[in-house]
């Protein structure tokens, strides 16, 4: 019974770590998009 509880706790912990990594990656993508320089000629017509 204790092994099953430990496995369940490890799975829940892994899930939260996975979600945090995904959130950090999404935030980094937003910062990258917001701070990328505008390519030459992108707004000129």
C-alpha atoms as a PDB file:
ATOM      1  CA  UNK A   1       0.000   0.000   0.000  1.00  0.00           C
ATOM      2  CA  UNK A   2       2.837   2.423   0.800  1.00  0.00           C
ATOM      3  CA  UNK A   3       4.465   1.760  -2.575  1.00  0.00           C
ATOM      4  CA  UNK A   4       1.231   2.630  -4.365  1.00  0.00           C
ATOM      5  CA  UNK A   5       0.950   5.869  -2.394  1.00  0.00           C
ATOM      6  CA  UNK A   6       4.551   6.784  -3.209  1.00  0.00           C
ATOM      7  CA  UNK A   7       3.970   6.085  -6.897  1.00  0.00           C
ATOM      8  CA  UNK A   8       0.836   8.229  -6.857  1.00  0.00           C
ATOM      9  CA  UNK A   9       2.662  11.078  -5.107  1.00  0.00           C
ATOM     10  CA  UNK A  10       5.530  10.854  -7.592  1.00  0.00           C
ATOM     11  CA  UNK A  11       3.061  10.970 -10.495  1.00  0.00           C
ATOM     12  CA  UNK A  12       1.298  14.022  -9.069  1.00  0.00           C
ATOM     13  CA  UNK A  13       4.638  15.733  -8.444  1.00  0.00           C
ATOM     14  CA  UNK A  14       5.782  14.952 -11.972  1.00  0.00           C
ATOM     15  CA  UNK A  15       2.551  16.374 -13.365  1.00  0.00           C
ATOM     16  CA  UNK A  16       3.031  19.657 -11.500  1.00  0.00           C
ATOM     17  CA  UNK A  17       6.648  19.903 -12.637  1.00  0.00           C
ATOM     18  CA  UNK A  18       5.532  19.278 -16.227  1.00  0.00           C
ATOM     19  CA  UNK A  19       2.883  22.007 -15.993  1.00  0.00           C
ATOM     20  CA  UNK A  20       5.392  24.478 -14.552  1.00  0.00           C
ATOM     21  CA  UNK A  21       7.875  23.751 -17.339  1.00  0.00           C
ATOM     22  CA  UNK A  22       5.141  24.300 -19.934  1.00  0.00           C
ATOM     23  CA  UNK A  23       4.112  27.582 -18.302  1.00  0.00           C
ATOM     24  CA  UNK A  24       7.726  28.780 -18.206  1.00  0.00           C
ATOM     25  CA  UNK A  25       8.184  27.852 -21.858  1.00  0.00           C
ATOM     26  CA  UNK A  26       5.016  29.721 -22.845  1.00  0.00           C
ATOM     27  CA  UNK A  27       6.133  32.807 -20.941  1.00  0.00           C
ATOM     28  CA  UNK A  28       9.560  32.649 -22.595  1.00  0.00           C
ATOM     29  CA  UNK A  29       7.893  32.416 -26.006  1.00  0.00           C
ATOM     30  CA  UNK A  30       5.846  35.526 -25.222  1.00  0.00           C
ATOM     31  CA  UNK A  31       8.965  37.439 -24.169  1.00  0.00           C
ATOM     32  CA  UNK A  32      10.806  36.298 -27.268  1.00  0.00           C
ATOM     33  CA  UNK A  33       7.951  37.419 -29.501  1.00  0.00           C
ATOM     34  CA  UNK A  34       7.612  40.755 -27.704  1.00  0.00           C
ATOM     35  CA  UNK A  35      11.323  41.579 -27.788  1.00  0.00           C
ATOM     36  CA  UNK A  36      12.238  40.312 -31.261  1.00  0.00           C
ATOM     37  CA  UNK A  37      13.394  43.121 -33.517  1.00  0.00           C
ATOM     38  CA  UNK A  38      11.056  43.931 -36.397  1.00  0.00           C
ATOM     39  CA  UNK A  39      12.494  42.546 -39.648  1.00  0.00           C
ATOM     40  CA  UNK A  40      13.649  45.158 -42.199  1.00  0.00           C
ATOM     41  CA  UNK A  41      10.831  46.220 -44.504  1.00  0.00           C
ATOM     42  CA  UNK A  42       8.111  44.540 -42.444  1.00  0.00           C
ATOM     43  CA  UNK A  43       6.004  47.680 -42.135  1.00  0.00           C
ATOM     44  CA  UNK A  44       7.151  49.619 -45.179  1.00  0.00           C
ATOM     45  CA  UNK A  45       5.089  49.706 -48.341  1.00  0.00           C
END
